[in-house]
């Protein structure tokens, strides 16, 4: 029982890290896009 709980906790932790990394990458890409595009002066 404890072994299954540790496996589930490990998988959940890994999934959390993957989601966090993807979000950080997306945020950085959006920031670079904003910084490198010309402003919309309408």
C-alpha atoms as a PDB file:
ATOM      1  CA  UNK A   1       0.000   0.000   0.000  1.00  0.00           C
ATOM      2  CA  UNK A   2       2.767   2.456   0.929  1.00  0.00           C
ATOM      3  CA  UNK A   3       4.653   1.569  -2.242  1.00  0.00           C
ATOM      4  CA  UNK A   4       1.621   2.461  -4.402  1.00  0.00           C
ATOM      5  CA  UNK A   5       1.188   5.724  -2.518  1.00  0.00           C
ATOM      6  CA  UNK A   6       4.832   6.646  -3.135  1.00  0.00           C
ATOM      7  CA  UNK A   7       4.491   5.820  -6.833  1.00  0.00           C
ATOM      8  CA  UNK A   8       1.354   7.959  -7.130  1.00  0.00           C
ATOM      9  CA  UNK A   9       3.079  10.818  -5.282  1.00  0.00           C
ATOM     10  CA  UNK A  10       6.087  10.529  -7.585  1.00  0.00           C
ATOM     11  CA  UNK A  11       3.936  10.592 -10.710  1.00  0.00           C
ATOM     12  CA  UNK A  12       1.952  13.560  -9.391  1.00  0.00           C
ATOM     13  CA  UNK A  13       5.174  15.416  -8.577  1.00  0.00           C
ATOM     14  CA  UNK A  14       6.600  14.747 -12.019  1.00  0.00           C
ATOM     15  CA  UNK A  15       3.376  15.892 -13.686  1.00  0.00           C
ATOM     16  CA  UNK A  16       3.437  19.087 -11.608  1.00  0.00           C
ATOM     17  CA  UNK A  17       7.007  19.821 -12.684  1.00  0.00           C
ATOM     18  CA  UNK A  18       6.158  19.233 -16.349  1.00  0.00           C
ATOM     19  CA  UNK A  19       3.130  21.540 -16.175  1.00  0.00           C
ATOM     20  CA  UNK A  20       5.193  24.194 -14.380  1.00  0.00           C
ATOM     21  CA  UNK A  21       7.964  23.981 -17.001  1.00  0.00           C
ATOM     22  CA  UNK A  22       5.483  24.245 -19.894  1.00  0.00           C
ATOM     23  CA  UNK A  23       3.810  27.291 -18.311  1.00  0.00           C
ATOM     24  CA  UNK A  24       7.159  29.001 -17.720  1.00  0.00           C
ATOM     25  CA  UNK A  25       8.157  28.323 -21.314  1.00  0.00           C
ATOM     26  CA  UNK A  26       4.856  29.702 -22.574  1.00  0.00           C
ATOM     27  CA  UNK A  27       5.167  32.811 -20.405  1.00  0.00           C
ATOM     28  CA  UNK A  28       8.714  33.437 -21.605  1.00  0.00           C
ATOM     29  CA  UNK A  29       7.698  32.971 -25.241  1.00  0.00           C
ATOM     30  CA  UNK A  30       4.853  35.466 -24.787  1.00  0.00           C
ATOM     31  CA  UNK A  31       7.223  37.950 -23.151  1.00  0.00           C
ATOM     32  CA  UNK A  32       9.725  37.639 -26.011  1.00  0.00           C
ATOM     33  CA  UNK A  33       6.904  38.068 -28.522  1.00  0.00           C
ATOM     34  CA  UNK A  34       5.763  41.228 -26.767  1.00  0.00           C
ATOM     35  CA  UNK A  35       9.307  42.572 -26.529  1.00  0.00           C
ATOM     36  CA  UNK A  36      10.232  41.922 -30.162  1.00  0.00           C
ATOM     37  CA  UNK A  37       7.077  43.012 -31.984  1.00  0.00           C
ATOM     38  CA  UNK A  38       6.430  46.605 -32.910  1.00  0.00           C
ATOM     39  CA  UNK A  39       3.798  48.347 -30.810  1.00  0.00           C
ATOM     40  CA  UNK A  40       0.293  48.686 -32.156  1.00  0.00           C
ATOM     41  CA  UNK A  41      -0.175  52.468 -32.365  1.00  0.00           C
ATOM     42  CA  UNK A  42      -3.754  52.642 -33.582  1.00  0.00           C
END
